[in-house]
């Protein structure tokens, strides 16, 4: 469980700060409607924009971290 906590902390530090800065820049320009972030960054990613690719990649990595945490938790609960 310590490994998962460290992994989540590293994810939050490395991706969270950069994601917040990128999102603040695009939100300030009102580049997308509220609630439409995924479609906007996905479109940017498909167009080859570095920021769009980073935001989509970090979203998928975040989903992977959550899924790995749930699998680890389930394995710990079911093996005891």
PDB file of N, CA and C in Angstrom:
ATOM      1  N   UNK A   1       0.825  -1.191   0.000  1.00  0.00           N
ATOM      2  CA  UNK A   1       0.000   0.000   0.000  1.00  0.00           C
ATOM      3  C   UNK A   1       0.870   1.255   0.000  1.00  0.00           C
ATOM      4  N   UNK A   2       2.025   1.161   0.605  1.00  0.00           N
ATOM      5  CA  UNK A   2       2.935   2.297   0.617  1.00  0.00           C
ATOM      6  C   UNK A   2       3.365   2.654  -0.805  1.00  0.00           C
ATOM      7  N   UNK A   3       3.576   1.628  -1.626  1.00  0.00           N
ATOM      8  CA  UNK A   3       3.969   1.861  -3.022  1.00  0.00           C
ATOM      9  C   UNK A   3       2.889   2.639  -3.766  1.00  0.00           C
ATOM     10  N   UNK A   4       1.633   2.269  -3.549  1.00  0.00           N
ATOM     11  CA  UNK A   4       0.522   2.956  -4.212  1.00  0.00           C
ATOM     12  C   UNK A   4       0.435   4.409  -3.736  1.00  0.00           C
ATOM     13  N   UNK A   5       0.651   4.641  -2.459  1.00  0.00           N
ATOM     14  CA  UNK A   5       0.617   6.004  -1.939  1.00  0.00           C
ATOM     15  C   UNK A   5       1.743   6.840  -2.544  1.00  0.00           C
ATOM     16  N   UNK A   6       2.917   6.259  -2.653  1.00  0.00           N
ATOM     17  CA  UNK A   6       4.049   6.972  -3.251  1.00  0.00           C
ATOM     18  C   UNK A   6       3.769   7.255  -4.723  1.00  0.00           C
ATOM     19  N   UNK A   7       3.237   6.259  -5.428  1.00  0.00           N
ATOM     20  CA  UNK A   7       2.910   6.427  -6.839  1.00  0.00           C
ATOM     21  C   UNK A   7       1.867   7.520  -7.035  1.00  0.00           C
ATOM     22  N   UNK A   8       0.844   7.537  -6.212  1.00  0.00           N
ATOM     23  CA  UNK A   8      -0.196   8.568  -6.319  1.00  0.00           C
ATOM     24  C   UNK A   8       0.377   9.951  -5.989  1.00  0.00           C
ATOM     25  N   UNK A   9       1.244  10.021  -5.011  1.00  0.00           N
ATOM     26  CA  UNK A   9       1.882  11.298  -4.669  1.00  0.00           C
ATOM     27  C   UNK A   9       2.762  11.822  -5.782  1.00  0.00           C
ATOM     28  N   UNK A  10       3.552  10.937  -6.367  1.00  0.00           N
ATOM     29  CA  UNK A  10       4.396  11.345  -7.497  1.00  0.00           C
ATOM     30  C   UNK A  10       3.563  11.779  -8.691  1.00  0.00           C
ATOM     31  N   UNK A  11       2.466  11.059  -8.937  1.00  0.00           N
ATOM     32  CA  UNK A  11       1.575  11.433 -10.036  1.00  0.00           C
ATOM     33  C   UNK A  11       0.998  12.817  -9.796  1.00  0.00           C
ATOM     34  N   UNK A  12       0.531  13.058  -8.582  1.00  0.00           N
ATOM     35  CA  UNK A  12      -0.072  14.354  -8.273  1.00  0.00           C
ATOM     36  C   UNK A  12       0.944  15.487  -8.420  1.00  0.00           C
ATOM     37  N   UNK A  13       2.172  15.248  -8.001  1.00  0.00           N
ATOM     38  CA  UNK A  13       3.184  16.295  -8.110  1.00  0.00           C
ATOM     39  C   UNK A  13       3.621  16.539  -9.542  1.00  0.00           C
ATOM     40  N   UNK A  14       3.899  15.470 -10.270  1.00  0.00           N
ATOM     41  CA  UNK A  14       4.433  15.651 -11.618  1.00  0.00           C
ATOM     42  C   UNK A  14       3.374  16.099 -12.612  1.00  0.00           C
ATOM     43  N   UNK A  15       2.229  15.463 -12.601  1.00  0.00           N
ATOM     44  CA  UNK A  15       1.206  15.787 -13.582  1.00  0.00           C
ATOM     45  C   UNK A  15       0.271  16.890 -13.102  1.00  0.00           C
ATOM     46  N   UNK A  16      -0.045  16.915 -11.831  1.00  0.00           N
ATOM     47  CA  UNK A  16      -1.035  17.848 -11.313  1.00  0.00           C
ATOM     48  C   UNK A  16      -0.664  19.302 -11.480  1.00  0.00           C
ATOM     49  N   UNK A  17       0.571  19.631 -11.167  1.00  0.00           N
ATOM     50  CA  UNK A  17       1.001  21.030 -11.251  1.00  0.00           C
ATOM     51  C   UNK A  17       1.013  21.494 -12.707  1.00  0.00           C
ATOM     52  N   UNK A  18       1.558  20.672 -13.592  1.00  0.00           N
ATOM     53  CA  UNK A  18       1.619  21.037 -15.003  1.00  0.00           C
ATOM     54  C   UNK A  18       0.217  21.098 -15.605  1.00  0.00           C
ATOM     55  N   UNK A  19      -0.635  20.125 -15.261  1.00  0.00           N
ATOM     56  CA  UNK A  19      -2.016  20.136 -15.765  1.00  0.00           C
ATOM     57  C   UNK A  19      -2.746  21.402 -15.347  1.00  0.00           C
ATOM     58  N   UNK A  20      -2.560  21.802 -14.131  1.00  0.00           N
ATOM     59  CA  UNK A  20      -3.248  22.991 -13.621  1.00  0.00           C
ATOM     60  C   UNK A  20      -2.816  24.243 -14.379  1.00  0.00           C
ATOM     61  N   UNK A  21      -1.525  24.350 -14.660  1.00  0.00           N
ATOM     62  CA  UNK A  21      -1.015  25.524 -15.378  1.00  0.00           C
ATOM     63  C   UNK A  21      -1.531  25.555 -16.821  1.00  0.00           C
ATOM     64  N   UNK A  22      -1.524  24.398 -17.483  1.00  0.00           N
ATOM     65  CA  UNK A  22      -2.025  24.324 -18.860  1.00  0.00           C
ATOM     66  C   UNK A  22      -3.508  24.653 -18.890  1.00  0.00           C
ATOM     67  N   UNK A  23      -4.268  24.052 -17.986  1.00  0.00           N
ATOM     68  CA  UNK A  23      -5.712  24.274 -17.971  1.00  0.00           C
ATOM     69  C   UNK A  23      -6.054  25.725 -17.645  1.00  0.00           C
ATOM     70  N   UNK A  24      -5.305  26.329 -16.728  1.00  0.00           N
ATOM     71  CA  UNK A  24      -5.561  27.729 -16.378  1.00  0.00           C
ATOM     72  C   UNK A  24      -5.325  28.633 -17.586  1.00  0.00           C
ATOM     73  N   UNK A  25      -4.301  28.330 -18.364  1.00  0.00           N
ATOM     74  CA  UNK A  25      -4.009  29.143 -19.547  1.00  0.00           C
ATOM     75  C   UNK A  25      -5.145  29.052 -20.571  1.00  0.00           C
ATOM     76  N   UNK A  26      -5.642  27.846 -20.814  1.00  0.00           N
ATOM     77  CA  UNK A  26      -6.710  27.673 -21.794  1.00  0.00           C
ATOM     78  C   UNK A  26      -8.050  28.179 -21.258  1.00  0.00           C
ATOM     79  N   UNK A  27      -8.274  28.012 -19.974  1.00  0.00           N
ATOM     80  CA  UNK A  27      -9.523  28.496 -19.377  1.00  0.00           C
ATOM     81  C   UNK A  27      -9.574  30.028 -19.392  1.00  0.00           C
ATOM     82  N   UNK A  28      -8.412  30.650 -19.198  1.00  0.00           N
ATOM     83  CA  UNK A  28      -8.333  32.110 -19.205  1.00  0.00           C
ATOM     84  C   UNK A  28      -8.707  32.663 -20.583  1.00  0.00           C
ATOM     85  N   UNK A  29      -8.343  31.934 -21.623  1.00  0.00           N
ATOM     86  CA  UNK A  29      -8.690  32.352 -22.983  1.00  0.00           C
ATOM     87  C   UNK A  29     -10.109  31.957 -23.372  1.00  0.00           C
ATOM     88  N   UNK A  30     -10.807  31.253 -22.456  1.00  0.00           N
ATOM     89  CA  UNK A  30     -12.165  30.752 -22.715  1.00  0.00           C
ATOM     90  C   UNK A  30     -12.192  29.924 -24.002  1.00  0.00           C
ATOM     91  N   UNK A  31     -11.243  28.992 -24.094  1.00  0.00           N
ATOM     92  CA  UNK A  31     -11.083  28.183 -25.302  1.00  0.00           C
ATOM     93  C   UNK A  31     -12.128  27.079 -25.408  1.00  0.00           C
ATOM     94  N   UNK A  32     -12.766  26.736 -24.295  1.00  0.00           N
ATOM     95  CA  UNK A  32     -13.769  25.670 -24.316  1.00  0.00           C
ATOM     96  C   UNK A  32     -14.891  25.998 -23.343  1.00  0.00           C
ATOM     97  N   UNK A  33     -16.031  25.384 -23.594  1.00  0.00           N
ATOM     98  CA  UNK A  33     -17.184  25.577 -22.721  1.00  0.00           C
ATOM     99  C   UNK A  33     -17.001  24.772 -21.436  1.00  0.00           C
ATOM    100  N   UNK A  34     -17.547  25.230 -20.332  1.00  0.00           N
ATOM    101  CA  UNK A  34     -17.436  24.464 -19.084  1.00  0.00           C
ATOM    102  C   UNK A  34     -17.990  23.049 -19.249  1.00  0.00           C
ATOM    103  N   UNK A  35     -17.231  22.074 -18.788  1.00  0.00           N
ATOM    104  CA  UNK A  35     -17.638  20.678 -18.887  1.00  0.00           C
ATOM    105  C   UNK A  35     -17.231  20.014 -20.188  1.00  0.00           C
ATOM    106  N   UNK A  36     -16.529  20.730 -21.041  1.00  0.00           N
ATOM    107  CA  UNK A  36     -16.151  20.197 -22.349  1.00  0.00           C
ATOM    108  C   UNK A  36     -14.636  20.038 -22.478  1.00  0.00           C
ATOM    109  N   UNK A  37     -13.953  19.906 -21.352  1.00  0.00           N
ATOM    110  CA  UNK A  37     -12.497  19.860 -21.350  1.00  0.00           C
ATOM    111  C   UNK A  37     -11.952  18.647 -22.098  1.00  0.00           C
ATOM    112  N   UNK A  38     -12.540  17.477 -21.858  1.00  0.00           N
ATOM    113  CA  UNK A  38     -12.014  16.254 -22.474  1.00  0.00           C
ATOM    114  C   UNK A  38     -12.068  16.351 -24.000  1.00  0.00           C
ATOM    115  N   UNK A  39     -13.182  16.820 -24.534  1.00  0.00           N
ATOM    116  CA  UNK A  39     -13.313  16.946 -25.990  1.00  0.00           C
ATOM    117  C   UNK A  39     -12.323  17.982 -26.533  1.00  0.00           C
ATOM    118  N   UNK A  40     -12.142  19.074 -25.809  1.00  0.00           N
ATOM    119  CA  UNK A  40     -11.223  20.121 -26.268  1.00  0.00           C
ATOM    120  C   UNK A  40      -9.786  19.620 -26.312  1.00  0.00           C
ATOM    121  N   UNK A  41      -9.328  19.004 -25.228  1.00  0.00           N
ATOM    122  CA  UNK A  41      -7.940  18.531 -25.192  1.00  0.00           C
ATOM    123  C   UNK A  41      -7.732  17.328 -26.111  1.00  0.00           C
ATOM    124  N   UNK A  42      -8.765  16.536 -26.295  1.00  0.00           N
ATOM    125  CA  UNK A  42      -8.671  15.430 -27.245  1.00  0.00           C
ATOM    126  C   UNK A  42      -8.504  15.961 -28.666  1.00  0.00           C
ATOM    127  N   UNK A  43      -9.249  17.014 -28.989  1.00  0.00           N
ATOM    128  CA  UNK A  43      -9.127  17.634 -30.309  1.00  0.00           C
ATOM    129  C   UNK A  43      -7.731  18.215 -30.497  1.00  0.00           C
ATOM    130  N   UNK A  44      -7.209  18.894 -29.464  1.00  0.00           N
ATOM    131  CA  UNK A  44      -5.857  19.436 -29.543  1.00  0.00           C
ATOM    132  C   UNK A  44      -4.825  18.330 -29.717  1.00  0.00           C
ATOM    133  N   UNK A  45      -5.037  17.222 -29.024  1.00  0.00           N
ATOM    134  CA  UNK A  45      -4.117  16.094 -29.125  1.00  0.00           C
ATOM    135  C   UNK A  45      -4.087  15.536 -30.541  1.00  0.00           C
ATOM    136  N   UNK A  46      -5.252  15.415 -31.147  1.00  0.00           N
ATOM    137  CA  UNK A  46      -5.329  14.894 -32.516  1.00  0.00           C
ATOM    138  C   UNK A  46      -4.703  15.852 -33.523  1.00  0.00           C
ATOM    139  N   UNK A  47      -4.714  17.140 -33.191  1.00  0.00           N
ATOM    140  CA  UNK A  47      -4.101  18.134 -34.072  1.00  0.00           C
ATOM    141  C   UNK A  47      -2.585  18.187 -33.892  1.00  0.00           C
ATOM    142  N   UNK A  48      -2.068  17.500 -32.875  1.00  0.00           N
ATOM    143  CA  UNK A  48      -0.629  17.447 -32.656  1.00  0.00           C
ATOM    144  C   UNK A  48      -0.100  18.453 -31.651  1.00  0.00           C
ATOM    145  N   UNK A  49      -0.980  19.119 -30.945  1.00  0.00           N
ATOM    146  CA  UNK A  49      -0.560  20.102 -29.946  1.00  0.00           C
ATOM    147  C   UNK A  49       0.056  19.378 -28.744  1.00  0.00           C
ATOM    148  N   UNK A  50       1.226  19.853 -28.325  1.00  0.00           N
ATOM    149  CA  UNK A  50       1.918  19.231 -27.191  1.00  0.00           C
ATOM    150  C   UNK A  50       1.088  19.263 -25.918  1.00  0.00           C
ATOM    151  N   UNK A  51       0.463  20.399 -25.658  1.00  0.00           N
ATOM    152  CA  UNK A  51      -0.328  20.533 -24.436  1.00  0.00           C
ATOM    153  C   UNK A  51      -1.527  19.594 -24.447  1.00  0.00           C
ATOM    154  N   UNK A  52      -2.173  19.450 -25.590  1.00  0.00           N
ATOM    155  CA  UNK A  52      -3.305  18.534 -25.697  1.00  0.00           C
ATOM    156  C   UNK A  52      -2.879  17.094 -25.479  1.00  0.00           C
ATOM    157  N   UNK A  53      -1.741  16.717 -26.082  1.00  0.00           N
ATOM    158  CA  UNK A  53      -1.249  15.347 -25.895  1.00  0.00           C
ATOM    159  C   UNK A  53      -0.896  15.084 -24.438  1.00  0.00           C
ATOM    160  N   UNK A  54      -0.288  16.077 -23.772  1.00  0.00           N
ATOM    161  CA  UNK A  54       0.073  15.909 -22.371  1.00  0.00           C
ATOM    162  C   UNK A  54      -1.163  15.771 -21.489  1.00  0.00           C
ATOM    163  N   UNK A  55      -2.174  16.575 -21.746  1.00  0.00           N
ATOM    164  CA  UNK A  55      -3.386  16.511 -20.927  1.00  0.00           C
ATOM    165  C   UNK A  55      -4.104  15.175 -21.103  1.00  0.00           C
ATOM    166  N   UNK A  56      -4.184  14.687 -22.337  1.00  0.00           N
ATOM    167  CA  UNK A  56      -4.845  13.399 -22.577  1.00  0.00           C
ATOM    168  C   UNK A  56      -4.017  12.270 -21.970  1.00  0.00           C
ATOM    169  N   UNK A  57      -2.705  12.323 -22.144  1.00  0.00           N
ATOM    170  CA  UNK A  57      -1.829  11.295 -21.564  1.00  0.00           C
ATOM    171  C   UNK A  57      -1.954  11.262 -20.048  1.00  0.00           C
ATOM    172  N   UNK A  58      -1.954  12.434 -19.428  1.00  0.00           N
ATOM    173  CA  UNK A  58      -2.047  12.466 -17.970  1.00  0.00           C
ATOM    174  C   UNK A  58      -3.405  11.974 -17.479  1.00  0.00           C
ATOM    175  N   UNK A  59      -4.448  12.214 -18.259  1.00  0.00           N
ATOM    176  CA  UNK A  59      -5.764  11.690 -17.877  1.00  0.00           C
ATOM    177  C   UNK A  59      -5.758  10.169 -17.906  1.00  0.00           C
ATOM    178  N   UNK A  60      -5.178   9.586 -18.962  1.00  0.00           N
ATOM    179  CA  UNK A  60      -5.117   8.120 -19.047  1.00  0.00           C
ATOM    180  C   UNK A  60      -4.214   7.529 -17.973  1.00  0.00           C
ATOM    181  N   UNK A  61      -3.115   8.193 -17.669  1.00  0.00           N
ATOM    182  CA  UNK A  61      -2.236   7.707 -16.601  1.00  0.00           C
ATOM    183  C   UNK A  61      -2.967   7.776 -15.264  1.00  0.00           C
ATOM    184  N   UNK A  62      -3.719   8.837 -15.041  1.00  0.00           N
ATOM    185  CA  UNK A  62      -4.500   8.965 -13.808  1.00  0.00           C
ATOM    186  C   UNK A  62      -5.540   7.868 -13.676  1.00  0.00           C
ATOM    187  N   UNK A  63      -6.212   7.560 -14.768  1.00  0.00           N
ATOM    188  CA  UNK A  63      -7.182   6.459 -14.749  1.00  0.00           C
ATOM    189  C   UNK A  63      -6.472   5.145 -14.452  1.00  0.00           C
ATOM    190  N   UNK A  64      -5.287   4.962 -15.010  1.00  0.00           N
ATOM    191  CA  UNK A  64      -4.502   3.749 -14.747  1.00  0.00           C
ATOM    192  C   UNK A  64      -4.077   3.638 -13.295  1.00  0.00           C
ATOM    193  N   UNK A  65      -3.688   4.754 -12.693  1.00  0.00           N
ATOM    194  CA  UNK A  65      -3.293   4.744 -11.278  1.00  0.00           C
ATOM    195  C   UNK A  65      -4.480   4.384 -10.399  1.00  0.00           C
ATOM    196  N   UNK A  66      -5.635   4.945 -10.694  1.00  0.00           N
ATOM    197  CA  UNK A  66      -6.843   4.624  -9.916  1.00  0.00           C
ATOM    198  C   UNK A  66      -7.188   3.146 -10.080  1.00  0.00           C
ATOM    199  N   UNK A  67      -7.148   2.645 -11.300  1.00  0.00           N
ATOM    200  CA  UNK A  67      -7.457   1.237 -11.556  1.00  0.00           C
ATOM    201  C   UNK A  67      -6.460   0.320 -10.854  1.00  0.00           C
ATOM    202  N   UNK A  68      -5.179   0.646 -10.918  1.00  0.00           N
ATOM    203  CA  UNK A  68      -4.162  -0.163 -10.240  1.00  0.00           C
ATOM    204  C   UNK A  68      -4.374  -0.153  -8.732  1.00  0.00           C
ATOM    205  N   UNK A  69      -4.752   0.980  -8.188  1.00  0.00           N
ATOM    206  CA  UNK A  69      -5.026   1.072  -6.751  1.00  0.00           C
ATOM    207  C   UNK A  69      -6.204   0.196  -6.367  1.00  0.00           C
ATOM    208  N   UNK A  70      -7.253   0.206  -7.175  1.00  0.00           N
ATOM    209  CA  UNK A  70      -8.425  -0.630  -6.885  1.00  0.00           C
ATOM    210  C   UNK A  70      -8.093  -2.117  -6.991  1.00  0.00           C
ATOM    211  N   UNK A  71      -7.315  -2.488  -7.988  1.00  0.00           N
ATOM    212  CA  UNK A  71      -6.916  -3.891  -8.137  1.00  0.00           C
ATOM    213  C   UNK A  71      -6.058  -4.329  -6.958  1.00  0.00           C
ATOM    214  N   UNK A  72      -5.130  -3.476  -6.552  1.00  0.00           N
ATOM    215  CA  UNK A  72      -4.278  -3.805  -5.412  1.00  0.00           C
ATOM    216  C   UNK A  72      -5.108  -3.926  -4.138  1.00  0.00           C
ATOM    217  N   UNK A  73      -6.027  -3.005  -3.927  1.00  0.00           N
ATOM    218  CA  UNK A  73      -6.878  -3.056  -2.753  1.00  0.00           C
ATOM    219  C   UNK A  73      -7.726  -4.324  -2.748  1.00  0.00           C
ATOM    220  N   UNK A  74      -8.289  -4.683  -3.903  1.00  0.00           N
ATOM    221  CA  UNK A  74      -9.100  -5.899  -3.997  1.00  0.00           C
ATOM    222  C   UNK A  74      -8.253  -7.132  -3.717  1.00  0.00           C
ATOM    223  N   UNK A  75      -7.044  -7.155  -4.232  1.00  0.00           N
ATOM    224  CA  UNK A  75      -6.185  -8.326  -3.991  1.00  0.00           C
ATOM    225  C   UNK A  75      -5.824  -8.431  -2.516  1.00  0.00           C
ATOM    226  N   UNK A  76      -5.615  -7.292  -1.859  1.00  0.00           N
ATOM    227  CA  UNK A  76      -5.294  -7.319  -0.426  1.00  0.00           C
ATOM    228  C   UNK A  76      -6.505  -7.787   0.387  1.00  0.00           C
ATOM    229  N   UNK A  77      -7.681  -7.363   0.005  1.00  0.00           N
ATOM    230  CA  UNK A  77      -8.879  -7.743   0.756  1.00  0.00           C
ATOM    231  C   UNK A  77      -9.273  -9.207   0.516  1.00  0.00           C
ATOM    232  N   UNK A  78      -9.062  -9.704  -0.688  1.00  0.00           N
ATOM    233  CA  UNK A  78      -9.486 -11.063  -1.021  1.00  0.00           C
ATOM    234  C   UNK A  78      -8.474 -12.139  -0.609  1.00  0.00           C
ATOM    235  N   UNK A  79      -7.244 -11.766  -0.348  1.00  0.00           N
ATOM    236  CA  UNK A  79      -6.248 -12.775   0.021  1.00  0.00           C
ATOM    237  C   UNK A  79      -6.092 -12.921   1.521  1.00  0.00           C
ATOM    238  N   UNK A  80      -6.808 -12.194   2.293  1.00  0.00           N
ATOM    239  CA  UNK A  80      -6.692 -12.315   3.758  1.00  0.00           C
ATOM    240  C   UNK A  80      -7.837 -13.088   4.325  1.00  0.00           C
TER     241      UNK A  80
END
